[in-house]
Amino acid sequence: MRRLEDLQRLTEEMRDCLGIDHLVYHWMGAQGAQYGCGTYSPLWLARYAAQGYLRVDPVIQSCFQRVHPVDWKALDWSSKAARAFLKDALAHGVGNQGFTVPIRGPNGQFAIFTVSHSCDDALWADFLAQWRAELILAAHGINAKALELMPEPATQTPVALSPRELDAMRLLATGLSRAQIAAELNISEHTVRVYIEGARFKLGALNTTHAVARALSCGLIAI
């Protein structure tokens, strides 16, 4: 495998071998560079970007905050935005079942590897019981190959956060609210917002969740 284009063929072959609807790999560099391959329809990819679904997709938001694989059924789809997103995804053939592996790499790199399918819960549970370990290995293998084949691997100037910004990011990563962080650090909630926004700006993040993910991926905080 010598070209990024070869990864596209690989995702298609893996999908067919597994007998599922879709298999997707998406890489995001810390400075905004992106690369993706997989079997979602071009119509859905365009729709996803046009609607700004990155900000409301429960799968992505969950993966930004954890290192363990995500079974879509375990996520919270109760919000109006999440329900609307799911309805649209189903209409575009994404599938009602999914399993996503978040991957963090060098220089703030973040990637996800996803398989999805349309089937009932029992069939999906059997599929994951059979293939979960292999899917995780495949996710990291494809990610390693993608990084190897990148023509100009993304680099990132080390980000320097203040001690209080690091405290705020670390506590956010553990799931505390801003009010709880304020109580924990014995400062005002307004001051917490200042620290969080300062960290978000320095990290070049789209939102607070993205800032936490970048702080984790850069090794600035640990949970």
N, C-alpha and C. Protein backbone atom coordinates (compact mmCIF):
# COMPACT_ATOMS: atom_id res chain seq x y z
N MET A 1 0.86 -1.19 0.00
CA MET A 1 0.00 0.00 0.00
C MET A 1 0.89 1.24 0.00
N ARG A 2 0.88 1.98 -1.12
CA ARG A 2 1.81 3.08 -1.29
C ARG A 2 1.15 4.45 -1.43
N ARG A 3 -0.17 4.49 -1.57
CA ARG A 3 -0.85 5.76 -1.79
C ARG A 3 -2.06 5.86 -0.87
N LEU A 4 -2.45 7.10 -0.56
CA LEU A 4 -3.65 7.30 0.24
C LEU A 4 -4.87 6.71 -0.47
N GLU A 5 -4.87 6.76 -1.79
CA GLU A 5 -5.99 6.23 -2.55
C GLU A 5 -6.19 4.74 -2.28
N ASP A 6 -5.11 4.05 -1.94
CA ASP A 6 -5.22 2.62 -1.65
C ASP A 6 -6.05 2.34 -0.40
N LEU A 7 -6.07 3.32 0.52
CA LEU A 7 -6.87 3.15 1.73
C LEU A 7 -8.36 3.13 1.40
N GLN A 8 -8.75 3.89 0.38
CA GLN A 8 -10.16 3.88 -0.02
C GLN A 8 -10.56 2.48 -0.48
N ARG A 9 -9.73 1.88 -1.29
CA ARG A 9 -10.03 0.52 -1.75
C ARG A 9 -10.07 -0.46 -0.58
N LEU A 10 -9.18 -0.26 0.38
CA LEU A 10 -9.14 -1.14 1.54
C LEU A 10 -10.43 -1.04 2.35
N THR A 11 -10.94 0.18 2.55
CA THR A 11 -12.18 0.33 3.32
C THR A 11 -13.34 -0.37 2.62
N GLU A 12 -13.38 -0.30 1.31
CA GLU A 12 -14.44 -0.96 0.57
C GLU A 12 -14.33 -2.48 0.69
N GLU A 13 -13.11 -2.99 0.61
CA GLU A 13 -12.91 -4.44 0.72
C GLU A 13 -13.24 -4.93 2.13
N MET A 14 -12.87 -4.16 3.15
CA MET A 14 -13.19 -4.54 4.52
C MET A 14 -14.70 -4.54 4.76
N ARG A 15 -15.38 -3.53 4.25
CA ARG A 15 -16.84 -3.47 4.38
C ARG A 15 -17.48 -4.72 3.78
N ASP A 16 -17.05 -5.08 2.59
CA ASP A 16 -17.63 -6.25 1.92
C ASP A 16 -17.32 -7.54 2.68
N CYS A 17 -16.11 -7.62 3.20
CA CYS A 17 -15.71 -8.82 3.95
C CYS A 17 -16.54 -8.97 5.23
N LEU A 18 -16.82 -7.86 5.90
CA LEU A 18 -17.59 -7.89 7.13
C LEU A 18 -19.09 -8.02 6.89
N GLY A 19 -19.52 -7.72 5.67
CA GLY A 19 -20.93 -7.81 5.34
C GLY A 19 -21.78 -6.74 5.99
N ILE A 20 -21.23 -5.52 6.07
CA ILE A 20 -21.94 -4.40 6.69
C ILE A 20 -22.19 -3.31 5.66
N ASP A 21 -22.96 -2.30 6.08
CA ASP A 21 -23.31 -1.23 5.14
C ASP A 21 -22.15 -0.27 4.89
N HIS A 22 -21.46 0.12 5.98
CA HIS A 22 -20.43 1.16 5.81
C HIS A 22 -19.23 0.94 6.72
N LEU A 23 -18.08 1.41 6.23
CA LEU A 23 -16.84 1.47 7.00
C LEU A 23 -16.13 2.76 6.61
N VAL A 24 -15.78 3.55 7.61
CA VAL A 24 -15.25 4.91 7.36
C VAL A 24 -14.07 5.20 8.26
N TYR A 25 -13.05 5.87 7.71
CA TYR A 25 -11.91 6.38 8.49
C TYR A 25 -11.80 7.87 8.21
N HIS A 26 -11.65 8.68 9.26
CA HIS A 26 -11.52 10.13 9.09
C HIS A 26 -10.44 10.66 10.01
N TRP A 27 -9.47 11.36 9.44
CA TRP A 27 -8.32 11.91 10.15
C TRP A 27 -8.42 13.43 10.18
N MET A 28 -8.12 14.02 11.35
CA MET A 28 -8.12 15.48 11.50
C MET A 28 -6.82 15.91 12.17
N GLY A 29 -6.07 16.76 11.51
CA GLY A 29 -4.85 17.29 12.10
C GLY A 29 -5.15 18.44 13.03
N ALA A 30 -4.22 18.74 13.92
CA ALA A 30 -4.42 19.81 14.90
C ALA A 30 -4.56 21.17 14.25
N GLN A 31 -3.99 21.34 13.05
CA GLN A 31 -4.05 22.63 12.38
C GLN A 31 -5.18 22.71 11.35
N GLY A 32 -6.07 21.72 11.36
CA GLY A 32 -7.24 21.78 10.49
C GLY A 32 -7.19 20.91 9.25
N ALA A 33 -6.03 20.32 8.93
CA ALA A 33 -5.94 19.43 7.78
C ALA A 33 -6.80 18.20 8.02
N GLN A 34 -7.39 17.67 6.95
CA GLN A 34 -8.27 16.52 7.08
C GLN A 34 -8.01 15.53 5.96
N TYR A 35 -8.30 14.28 6.25
CA TYR A 35 -8.28 13.24 5.22
C TYR A 35 -9.32 12.20 5.59
N GLY A 36 -10.07 11.72 4.62
CA GLY A 36 -11.07 10.72 4.90
C GLY A 36 -11.19 9.71 3.77
N CYS A 37 -11.59 8.51 4.13
CA CYS A 37 -11.90 7.49 3.14
C CYS A 37 -13.01 6.63 3.72
N GLY A 38 -13.74 5.99 2.87
CA GLY A 38 -14.82 5.16 3.37
C GLY A 38 -15.95 5.03 2.38
N THR A 39 -17.08 4.54 2.87
CA THR A 39 -18.15 4.13 1.98
C THR A 39 -19.45 4.92 2.13
N TYR A 40 -19.45 5.98 2.95
CA TYR A 40 -20.64 6.83 2.99
C TYR A 40 -20.85 7.45 1.61
N SER A 41 -22.09 7.74 1.28
CA SER A 41 -22.38 8.33 -0.02
C SER A 41 -21.88 9.77 -0.07
N PRO A 42 -21.43 10.24 -1.23
CA PRO A 42 -21.02 11.64 -1.37
C PRO A 42 -22.15 12.60 -0.97
N LEU A 43 -23.39 12.20 -1.22
CA LEU A 43 -24.54 13.05 -0.86
C LEU A 43 -24.59 13.26 0.66
N TRP A 44 -24.36 12.18 1.42
CA TRP A 44 -24.39 12.31 2.88
C TRP A 44 -23.20 13.12 3.38
N LEU A 45 -22.04 12.93 2.81
CA LEU A 45 -20.87 13.70 3.23
C LEU A 45 -21.08 15.19 2.99
N ALA A 46 -21.67 15.54 1.86
CA ALA A 46 -21.95 16.94 1.55
C ALA A 46 -23.01 17.49 2.50
N ARG A 47 -24.02 16.69 2.76
CA ARG A 47 -25.09 17.09 3.66
C ARG A 47 -24.55 17.32 5.08
N TYR A 48 -23.70 16.42 5.54
CA TYR A 48 -23.10 16.51 6.88
C TYR A 48 -22.34 17.82 7.04
N ALA A 49 -21.53 18.15 6.02
CA ALA A 49 -20.75 19.38 6.08
C ALA A 49 -21.64 20.61 6.00
N ALA A 50 -22.62 20.59 5.09
CA ALA A 50 -23.49 21.75 4.88
C ALA A 50 -24.32 22.08 6.11
N GLN A 51 -24.74 21.04 6.84
CA GLN A 51 -25.58 21.25 8.02
C GLN A 51 -24.78 21.48 9.30
N GLY A 52 -23.46 21.42 9.19
CA GLY A 52 -22.64 21.62 10.38
C GLY A 52 -22.86 20.55 11.44
N TYR A 53 -23.08 19.32 11.00
CA TYR A 53 -23.40 18.24 11.94
C TYR A 53 -22.24 17.88 12.87
N LEU A 54 -21.03 18.30 12.54
CA LEU A 54 -19.90 18.02 13.43
C LEU A 54 -20.17 18.53 14.83
N ARG A 55 -20.92 19.62 14.94
CA ARG A 55 -21.16 20.25 16.23
C ARG A 55 -22.25 19.55 17.04
N VAL A 56 -23.09 18.75 16.40
CA VAL A 56 -24.20 18.13 17.11
C VAL A 56 -24.16 16.60 17.08
N ASP A 57 -23.28 16.03 16.29
CA ASP A 57 -23.18 14.57 16.16
C ASP A 57 -22.75 13.97 17.50
N PRO A 58 -23.63 13.22 18.17
CA PRO A 58 -23.27 12.64 19.48
C PRO A 58 -22.06 11.71 19.41
N VAL A 59 -21.85 11.06 18.27
CA VAL A 59 -20.71 10.16 18.15
C VAL A 59 -19.40 10.95 18.21
N ILE A 60 -19.32 12.01 17.42
CA ILE A 60 -18.11 12.83 17.40
C ILE A 60 -17.88 13.50 18.75
N GLN A 61 -18.94 14.07 19.31
CA GLN A 61 -18.80 14.75 20.59
C GLN A 61 -18.34 13.79 21.68
N SER A 62 -18.83 12.56 21.64
CA SER A 62 -18.40 11.56 22.62
C SER A 62 -16.95 11.17 22.41
N CYS A 63 -16.56 10.98 21.14
CA CYS A 63 -15.19 10.56 20.84
C CYS A 63 -14.17 11.64 21.20
N PHE A 64 -14.56 12.90 21.14
CA PHE A 64 -13.67 13.97 21.53
C PHE A 64 -13.28 13.86 23.00
N GLN A 65 -14.14 13.22 23.81
CA GLN A 65 -13.94 13.23 25.25
C GLN A 65 -13.52 11.88 25.83
N ARG A 66 -13.29 10.89 24.98
CA ARG A 66 -12.93 9.57 25.52
C ARG A 66 -11.90 8.89 24.64
N VAL A 67 -11.34 7.84 25.17
CA VAL A 67 -10.35 7.06 24.42
C VAL A 67 -10.88 5.67 24.07
N HIS A 68 -11.99 5.28 24.67
CA HIS A 68 -12.52 3.95 24.44
C HIS A 68 -13.51 3.95 23.28
N PRO A 69 -13.66 2.82 22.59
CA PRO A 69 -14.62 2.71 21.48
C PRO A 69 -16.04 3.02 21.94
N VAL A 70 -16.84 3.47 20.99
CA VAL A 70 -18.20 3.91 21.27
C VAL A 70 -19.20 3.07 20.49
N ASP A 71 -20.11 2.42 21.21
CA ASP A 71 -21.27 1.78 20.57
C ASP A 71 -22.37 2.83 20.54
N TRP A 72 -22.86 3.15 19.36
CA TRP A 72 -23.81 4.25 19.22
C TRP A 72 -25.02 4.10 20.13
N LYS A 73 -25.43 2.88 20.40
CA LYS A 73 -26.62 2.66 21.23
C LYS A 73 -26.43 3.18 22.66
N ALA A 74 -25.18 3.31 23.09
CA ALA A 74 -24.90 3.75 24.46
C ALA A 74 -24.90 5.27 24.61
N LEU A 75 -25.06 5.99 23.51
CA LEU A 75 -25.00 7.45 23.54
C LEU A 75 -26.36 8.08 23.83
N ASP A 76 -26.33 9.34 24.20
CA ASP A 76 -27.56 10.09 24.48
C ASP A 76 -28.06 10.75 23.19
N TRP A 77 -29.17 10.27 22.67
CA TRP A 77 -29.77 10.82 21.45
C TRP A 77 -31.05 11.58 21.77
N SER A 78 -31.21 12.03 23.01
CA SER A 78 -32.50 12.59 23.44
C SER A 78 -32.73 14.04 23.03
N SER A 79 -31.66 14.77 22.74
CA SER A 79 -31.86 16.19 22.40
C SER A 79 -32.52 16.34 21.03
N LYS A 80 -33.17 17.46 20.85
CA LYS A 80 -33.85 17.72 19.58
C LYS A 80 -32.87 17.71 18.41
N ALA A 81 -31.69 18.31 18.62
CA ALA A 81 -30.68 18.37 17.55
C ALA A 81 -30.16 16.98 17.21
N ALA A 82 -29.93 16.16 18.24
CA ALA A 82 -29.43 14.80 18.01
C ALA A 82 -30.47 13.95 17.28
N ARG A 83 -31.73 14.09 17.65
CA ARG A 83 -32.80 13.32 17.00
C ARG A 83 -32.94 13.72 15.53
N ALA A 84 -32.83 15.01 15.27
CA ALA A 84 -32.93 15.49 13.88
C ALA A 84 -31.75 14.98 13.06
N PHE A 85 -30.58 15.00 13.65
CA PHE A 85 -29.39 14.48 12.97
C PHE A 85 -29.54 13.00 12.66
N LEU A 86 -30.01 12.22 13.65
CA LEU A 86 -30.17 10.78 13.46
C LEU A 86 -31.18 10.48 12.36
N LYS A 87 -32.28 11.21 12.35
CA LYS A 87 -33.30 11.01 11.32
C LYS A 87 -32.72 11.25 9.93
N ASP A 88 -31.92 12.30 9.81
CA ASP A 88 -31.29 12.63 8.53
C ASP A 88 -30.28 11.56 8.14
N ALA A 89 -29.50 11.08 9.12
CA ALA A 89 -28.50 10.05 8.84
C ALA A 89 -29.16 8.76 8.36
N LEU A 90 -30.25 8.38 9.00
CA LEU A 90 -30.97 7.17 8.60
C LEU A 90 -31.53 7.31 7.19
N ALA A 91 -32.02 8.50 6.87
CA ALA A 91 -32.57 8.75 5.54
C ALA A 91 -31.50 8.65 4.46
N HIS A 92 -30.25 8.86 4.84
CA HIS A 92 -29.14 8.79 3.89
C HIS A 92 -28.40 7.45 3.95
N GLY A 93 -29.01 6.47 4.61
CA GLY A 93 -28.46 5.12 4.58
C GLY A 93 -27.28 4.85 5.48
N VAL A 94 -27.07 5.68 6.50
CA VAL A 94 -25.92 5.48 7.39
C VAL A 94 -26.07 4.20 8.21
N GLY A 95 -27.30 3.87 8.59
CA GLY A 95 -27.54 2.69 9.41
C GLY A 95 -27.92 3.06 10.82
N ASN A 96 -28.71 2.22 11.46
CA ASN A 96 -29.16 2.50 12.83
C ASN A 96 -28.22 1.97 13.90
N GLN A 97 -27.22 1.19 13.49
CA GLN A 97 -26.23 0.66 14.42
C GLN A 97 -24.85 1.17 14.03
N GLY A 98 -24.01 1.40 15.04
CA GLY A 98 -22.66 1.86 14.72
C GLY A 98 -21.68 1.61 15.84
N PHE A 99 -20.42 1.55 15.48
CA PHE A 99 -19.32 1.34 16.43
C PHE A 99 -18.16 2.19 15.95
N THR A 100 -17.69 3.09 16.81
CA THR A 100 -16.65 4.04 16.43
C THR A 100 -15.46 3.96 17.38
N VAL A 101 -14.27 3.92 16.82
CA VAL A 101 -13.03 3.87 17.60
C VAL A 101 -12.34 5.23 17.48
N PRO A 102 -12.20 5.99 18.59
CA PRO A 102 -11.43 7.24 18.55
C PRO A 102 -9.94 6.93 18.64
N ILE A 103 -9.13 7.67 17.89
CA ILE A 103 -7.69 7.44 17.86
C ILE A 103 -6.98 8.77 18.02
N ARG A 104 -6.03 8.83 18.94
CA ARG A 104 -5.24 10.04 19.12
C ARG A 104 -3.79 9.75 18.76
N GLY A 105 -3.24 10.63 17.95
CA GLY A 105 -1.89 10.41 17.46
C GLY A 105 -0.98 11.58 17.77
N PRO A 106 0.17 11.64 17.11
CA PRO A 106 1.16 12.68 17.39
C PRO A 106 0.71 14.06 16.93
N ASN A 107 1.25 15.09 17.58
CA ASN A 107 1.04 16.48 17.16
C ASN A 107 -0.43 16.89 17.14
N GLY A 108 -1.22 16.34 18.08
CA GLY A 108 -2.62 16.73 18.17
C GLY A 108 -3.53 16.06 17.16
N GLN A 109 -3.03 15.06 16.44
CA GLN A 109 -3.84 14.37 15.44
C GLN A 109 -4.96 13.59 16.12
N PHE A 110 -6.13 13.61 15.49
CA PHE A 110 -7.30 12.90 16.01
C PHE A 110 -7.98 12.20 14.84
N ALA A 111 -8.39 10.97 15.04
CA ALA A 111 -9.04 10.23 13.97
C ALA A 111 -10.14 9.36 14.55
N ILE A 112 -11.07 8.97 13.67
CA ILE A 112 -12.10 8.02 14.07
C ILE A 112 -12.21 6.94 13.00
N PHE A 113 -12.54 5.76 13.44
CA PHE A 113 -12.77 4.62 12.56
C PHE A 113 -14.16 4.09 12.91
N THR A 114 -15.04 4.01 11.92
CA THR A 114 -16.44 3.68 12.18
C THR A 114 -16.92 2.56 11.28
N VAL A 115 -17.70 1.65 11.86
CA VAL A 115 -18.48 0.70 11.07
C VAL A 115 -19.94 0.92 11.43
N SER A 116 -20.82 0.81 10.44
CA SER A 116 -22.25 0.99 10.70
C SER A 116 -23.07 0.06 9.83
N HIS A 117 -24.29 -0.20 10.30
CA HIS A 117 -25.13 -1.18 9.60
C HIS A 117 -26.59 -0.98 10.01
N SER A 118 -27.48 -1.48 9.18
CA SER A 118 -28.92 -1.47 9.50
C SER A 118 -29.33 -2.88 9.90
N CYS A 119 -29.65 -3.05 11.17
CA CYS A 119 -30.07 -4.36 11.67
C CYS A 119 -30.64 -4.19 13.07
N ASP A 120 -31.16 -5.28 13.64
CA ASP A 120 -31.71 -5.18 14.99
C ASP A 120 -30.59 -5.28 16.03
N ASP A 121 -30.95 -5.00 17.29
CA ASP A 121 -29.95 -4.93 18.35
C ASP A 121 -29.25 -6.27 18.58
N ALA A 122 -30.00 -7.36 18.49
CA ALA A 122 -29.41 -8.67 18.76
C ALA A 122 -28.35 -9.04 17.72
N LEU A 123 -28.66 -8.77 16.46
CA LEU A 123 -27.70 -9.07 15.40
C LEU A 123 -26.45 -8.23 15.54
N TRP A 124 -26.63 -6.96 15.91
CA TRP A 124 -25.48 -6.08 16.08
C TRP A 124 -24.62 -6.50 17.26
N ALA A 125 -25.27 -6.91 18.34
CA ALA A 125 -24.52 -7.38 19.51
C ALA A 125 -23.68 -8.61 19.15
N ASP A 126 -24.24 -9.50 18.35
CA ASP A 126 -23.48 -10.67 17.90
C ASP A 126 -22.30 -10.27 17.03
N PHE A 127 -22.53 -9.28 16.16
CA PHE A 127 -21.46 -8.80 15.28
C PHE A 127 -20.29 -8.24 16.09
N LEU A 128 -20.61 -7.39 17.07
CA LEU A 128 -19.55 -6.79 17.89
C LEU A 128 -18.84 -7.84 18.74
N ALA A 129 -19.59 -8.80 19.24
CA ALA A 129 -18.96 -9.86 20.03
C ALA A 129 -17.93 -10.62 19.19
N GLN A 130 -18.20 -10.77 17.92
CA GLN A 130 -17.30 -11.50 17.04
C GLN A 130 -16.13 -10.66 16.56
N TRP A 131 -16.37 -9.38 16.29
CA TRP A 131 -15.38 -8.58 15.56
C TRP A 131 -14.78 -7.41 16.35
N ARG A 132 -15.22 -7.15 17.56
CA ARG A 132 -14.79 -5.95 18.29
C ARG A 132 -13.26 -5.82 18.35
N ALA A 133 -12.57 -6.84 18.79
CA ALA A 133 -11.12 -6.76 18.93
C ALA A 133 -10.45 -6.51 17.59
N GLU A 134 -10.90 -7.19 16.55
CA GLU A 134 -10.32 -7.02 15.22
C GLU A 134 -10.58 -5.61 14.68
N LEU A 135 -11.75 -5.06 14.98
CA LEU A 135 -12.07 -3.71 14.52
C LEU A 135 -11.14 -2.67 15.16
N ILE A 136 -10.86 -2.85 16.43
CA ILE A 136 -9.96 -1.91 17.12
C ILE A 136 -8.55 -2.00 16.53
N LEU A 137 -8.09 -3.21 16.28
CA LEU A 137 -6.77 -3.39 15.65
C LEU A 137 -6.75 -2.77 14.25
N ALA A 138 -7.82 -2.98 13.49
CA ALA A 138 -7.89 -2.43 12.14
C ALA A 138 -7.89 -0.91 12.17
N ALA A 139 -8.58 -0.33 13.14
CA ALA A 139 -8.64 1.13 13.26
C ALA A 139 -7.24 1.72 13.43
N HIS A 140 -6.47 1.14 14.33
CA HIS A 140 -5.13 1.66 14.59
C HIS A 140 -4.17 1.33 13.44
N GLY A 141 -4.41 0.21 12.77
CA GLY A 141 -3.57 -0.12 11.62
C GLY A 141 -3.78 0.84 10.47
N ILE A 142 -5.04 1.16 10.17
CA ILE A 142 -5.34 2.11 9.10
C ILE A 142 -4.82 3.49 9.45
N ASN A 143 -4.96 3.87 10.73
CA ASN A 143 -4.46 5.18 11.14
C ASN A 143 -2.95 5.27 10.98
N ALA A 144 -2.24 4.23 11.38
CA ALA A 144 -0.79 4.23 11.24
C ALA A 144 -0.38 4.34 9.78
N LYS A 145 -1.09 3.63 8.91
CA LYS A 145 -0.77 3.69 7.49
C LYS A 145 -1.08 5.07 6.91
N ALA A 146 -2.20 5.67 7.34
CA ALA A 146 -2.55 7.00 6.86
C ALA A 146 -1.49 8.03 7.25
N LEU A 147 -1.02 7.96 8.49
CA LEU A 147 0.02 8.89 8.93
C LEU A 147 1.31 8.68 8.14
N GLU A 148 1.60 7.43 7.85
CA GLU A 148 2.81 7.11 7.09
C GLU A 148 2.74 7.67 5.66
N LEU A 149 1.53 7.66 5.09
CA LEU A 149 1.37 8.06 3.70
C LEU A 149 1.09 9.55 3.51
N MET A 150 0.86 10.26 4.61
CA MET A 150 0.59 11.69 4.48
C MET A 150 1.77 12.38 3.79
N PRO A 151 1.53 13.14 2.71
CA PRO A 151 2.64 13.77 2.00
C PRO A 151 3.39 14.78 2.84
N GLU A 152 2.67 15.48 3.71
CA GLU A 152 3.29 16.46 4.60
C GLU A 152 2.62 16.33 5.95
N PRO A 153 3.09 15.41 6.80
CA PRO A 153 2.45 15.21 8.10
C PRO A 153 2.28 16.51 8.86
N ALA A 154 1.10 16.65 9.44
CA ALA A 154 0.80 17.89 10.16
C ALA A 154 1.68 18.00 11.39
N THR A 155 2.21 19.20 11.62
CA THR A 155 2.98 19.45 12.82
C THR A 155 2.30 20.56 13.60
N GLN A 156 2.59 20.62 14.85
CA GLN A 156 1.93 21.58 15.73
C GLN A 156 2.93 22.20 16.68
N THR A 157 2.95 23.53 16.73
CA THR A 157 3.76 24.21 17.71
C THR A 157 3.19 23.93 19.09
N PRO A 158 4.02 23.49 20.03
CA PRO A 158 3.50 23.17 21.36
C PRO A 158 2.67 24.32 21.94
N VAL A 159 1.53 23.97 22.50
CA VAL A 159 0.64 24.96 23.10
C VAL A 159 0.99 25.09 24.57
N ALA A 160 1.08 26.34 25.03
CA ALA A 160 1.39 26.58 26.44
C ALA A 160 0.15 27.16 27.12
N LEU A 161 -0.49 26.36 27.97
CA LEU A 161 -1.62 26.84 28.74
C LEU A 161 -1.16 27.21 30.14
N SER A 162 -1.82 28.19 30.73
CA SER A 162 -1.48 28.58 32.10
C SER A 162 -1.93 27.47 33.05
N PRO A 163 -1.38 27.46 34.28
CA PRO A 163 -1.79 26.43 35.25
C PRO A 163 -3.30 26.40 35.48
N ARG A 164 -3.94 27.57 35.55
CA ARG A 164 -5.38 27.62 35.78
C ARG A 164 -6.15 27.15 34.55
N GLU A 165 -5.66 27.46 33.36
CA GLU A 165 -6.31 26.96 32.14
C GLU A 165 -6.23 25.44 32.08
N LEU A 166 -5.08 24.89 32.49
CA LEU A 166 -4.93 23.44 32.54
C LEU A 166 -5.88 22.83 33.56
N ASP A 167 -6.01 23.48 34.72
CA ASP A 167 -6.95 22.99 35.73
C ASP A 167 -8.37 22.96 35.19
N ALA A 168 -8.76 24.03 34.53
CA ALA A 168 -10.12 24.11 33.99
C ALA A 168 -10.36 23.04 32.94
N MET A 169 -9.38 22.85 32.04
CA MET A 169 -9.53 21.82 31.00
C MET A 169 -9.60 20.42 31.61
N ARG A 170 -8.75 20.17 32.60
CA ARG A 170 -8.73 18.84 33.22
C ARG A 170 -10.07 18.54 33.90
N LEU A 171 -10.61 19.53 34.61
CA LEU A 171 -11.88 19.31 35.30
C LEU A 171 -13.04 19.20 34.30
N LEU A 172 -12.97 19.95 33.22
CA LEU A 172 -13.98 19.80 32.17
C LEU A 172 -13.95 18.38 31.60
N ALA A 173 -12.75 17.87 31.41
CA ALA A 173 -12.60 16.53 30.83
C ALA A 173 -13.19 15.45 31.74
N THR A 174 -13.24 15.71 33.05
CA THR A 174 -13.82 14.73 33.96
C THR A 174 -15.33 14.83 34.03
N GLY A 175 -15.91 15.82 33.33
CA GLY A 175 -17.36 15.94 33.27
C GLY A 175 -17.96 16.99 34.18
N LEU A 176 -17.15 17.78 34.86
CA LEU A 176 -17.69 18.81 35.75
C LEU A 176 -18.26 19.97 34.94
N SER A 177 -19.30 20.61 35.49
CA SER A 177 -19.85 21.82 34.88
C SER A 177 -18.98 23.01 35.26
N ARG A 178 -19.24 24.15 34.63
CA ARG A 178 -18.47 25.35 34.98
C ARG A 178 -18.70 25.75 36.42
N ALA A 179 -19.94 25.61 36.89
CA ALA A 179 -20.22 25.95 38.29
C ALA A 179 -19.46 25.03 39.24
N GLN A 180 -19.40 23.76 38.91
CA GLN A 180 -18.67 22.81 39.75
C GLN A 180 -17.17 23.08 39.73
N ILE A 181 -16.66 23.48 38.55
CA ILE A 181 -15.24 23.83 38.44
C ILE A 181 -14.93 25.06 39.29
N ALA A 182 -15.83 26.02 39.25
CA ALA A 182 -15.63 27.24 40.05
C ALA A 182 -15.54 26.89 41.54
N ALA A 183 -16.42 26.00 41.98
CA ALA A 183 -16.40 25.58 43.39
C ALA A 183 -15.13 24.81 43.71
N GLU A 184 -14.72 23.95 42.79
CA GLU A 184 -13.51 23.13 43.00
C GLU A 184 -12.27 24.00 43.11
N LEU A 185 -12.19 25.05 42.26
CA LEU A 185 -11.00 25.90 42.23
C LEU A 185 -11.12 27.12 43.14
N ASN A 186 -12.32 27.26 43.75
CA ASN A 186 -12.57 28.40 44.64
C ASN A 186 -12.41 29.74 43.92
N ILE A 187 -12.98 29.81 42.72
CA ILE A 187 -12.99 31.05 41.94
C ILE A 187 -14.40 31.26 41.40
N SER A 188 -14.65 32.42 40.80
CA SER A 188 -15.98 32.70 40.28
C SER A 188 -16.23 31.94 38.98
N GLU A 189 -17.49 31.74 38.65
CA GLU A 189 -17.84 31.07 37.40
C GLU A 189 -17.41 31.92 36.20
N HIS A 190 -17.46 33.25 36.35
CA HIS A 190 -16.98 34.13 35.28
C HIS A 190 -15.50 33.90 35.00
N THR A 191 -14.72 33.75 36.06
CA THR A 191 -13.28 33.51 35.89
C THR A 191 -13.03 32.16 35.21
N VAL A 192 -13.84 31.17 35.56
CA VAL A 192 -13.73 29.87 34.90
C VAL A 192 -13.96 30.02 33.40
N ARG A 193 -14.98 30.80 33.03
CA ARG A 193 -15.26 31.02 31.60
C ARG A 193 -14.07 31.67 30.90
N VAL A 194 -13.43 32.60 31.58
CA VAL A 194 -12.26 33.27 31.01
C VAL A 194 -11.14 32.26 30.76
N TYR A 195 -10.88 31.39 31.73
CA TYR A 195 -9.83 30.38 31.57
C TYR A 195 -10.17 29.42 30.43
N ILE A 196 -11.41 29.00 30.36
CA ILE A 196 -11.81 28.05 29.33
C ILE A 196 -11.72 28.67 27.95
N GLU A 197 -12.18 29.90 27.82
CA GLU A 197 -12.12 30.56 26.51
C GLU A 197 -10.67 30.85 26.11
N GLY A 198 -9.84 31.16 27.10
CA GLY A 198 -8.42 31.37 26.80
C GLY A 198 -7.76 30.10 26.29
N ALA A 199 -8.09 28.99 26.94
CA ALA A 199 -7.53 27.70 26.50
C ALA A 199 -8.06 27.33 25.12
N ARG A 200 -9.35 27.55 24.90
CA ARG A 200 -9.95 27.22 23.60
C ARG A 200 -9.27 28.01 22.48
N PHE A 201 -9.02 29.30 22.72
CA PHE A 201 -8.36 30.14 21.70
C PHE A 201 -6.95 29.64 21.43
N LYS A 202 -6.20 29.35 22.47
CA LYS A 202 -4.81 28.89 22.29
C LYS A 202 -4.75 27.55 21.56
N LEU A 203 -5.75 26.70 21.80
CA LEU A 203 -5.78 25.38 21.18
C LEU A 203 -6.36 25.40 19.77
N GLY A 204 -6.90 26.54 19.37
CA GLY A 204 -7.49 26.65 18.04
C GLY A 204 -8.71 25.76 17.88
N ALA A 205 -9.50 25.62 18.95
CA ALA A 205 -10.63 24.69 18.96
C ALA A 205 -11.91 25.38 18.52
N LEU A 206 -12.81 24.58 17.94
CA LEU A 206 -14.09 25.08 17.47
C LEU A 206 -15.04 25.39 18.62
N ASN A 207 -14.96 24.60 19.68
CA ASN A 207 -15.83 24.77 20.83
C ASN A 207 -15.14 24.17 22.06
N THR A 208 -15.85 24.19 23.18
CA THR A 208 -15.25 23.69 24.42
C THR A 208 -14.93 22.21 24.35
N THR A 209 -15.84 21.43 23.79
CA THR A 209 -15.61 19.99 23.66
C THR A 209 -14.38 19.71 22.82
N HIS A 210 -14.25 20.44 21.72
CA HIS A 210 -13.09 20.29 20.85
C HIS A 210 -11.81 20.69 21.60
N ALA A 211 -11.90 21.72 22.43
CA ALA A 211 -10.73 22.17 23.20
C ALA A 211 -10.26 21.08 24.16
N VAL A 212 -11.20 20.42 24.81
CA VAL A 212 -10.85 19.33 25.72
C VAL A 212 -10.17 18.20 24.95
N ALA A 213 -10.73 17.87 23.78
CA ALA A 213 -10.15 16.81 22.96
C ALA A 213 -8.72 17.14 22.55
N ARG A 214 -8.49 18.38 22.16
CA ARG A 214 -7.14 18.76 21.74
C ARG A 214 -6.17 18.78 22.92
N ALA A 215 -6.66 19.22 24.08
CA ALA A 215 -5.80 19.21 25.26
C ALA A 215 -5.40 17.78 25.63
N LEU A 216 -6.35 16.85 25.49
CA LEU A 216 -6.06 15.43 25.74
C LEU A 216 -5.08 14.87 24.72
N SER A 217 -5.36 15.15 23.44
CA SER A 217 -4.54 14.56 22.37
C SER A 217 -3.13 15.11 22.37
N CYS A 218 -2.95 16.36 22.85
CA CYS A 218 -1.61 16.96 22.90
C CYS A 218 -0.86 16.54 24.18
N GLY A 219 -1.53 15.80 25.04
CA GLY A 219 -0.89 15.38 26.28
C GLY A 219 -0.80 16.46 27.33
N LEU A 220 -1.59 17.54 27.17
CA LEU A 220 -1.55 18.64 28.14
C LEU A 220 -2.26 18.27 29.42
N ILE A 221 -3.30 17.44 29.29
CA ILE A 221 -4.05 16.97 30.47
C ILE A 221 -4.25 15.47 30.34
N ALA A 222 -4.57 14.84 31.45
CA ALA A 222 -4.88 13.42 31.46
C ALA A 222 -6.02 13.19 32.43
N ILE A 223 -6.83 12.18 32.15
CA ILE A 223 -7.95 11.86 33.05
C ILE A 223 -7.90 10.37 33.39
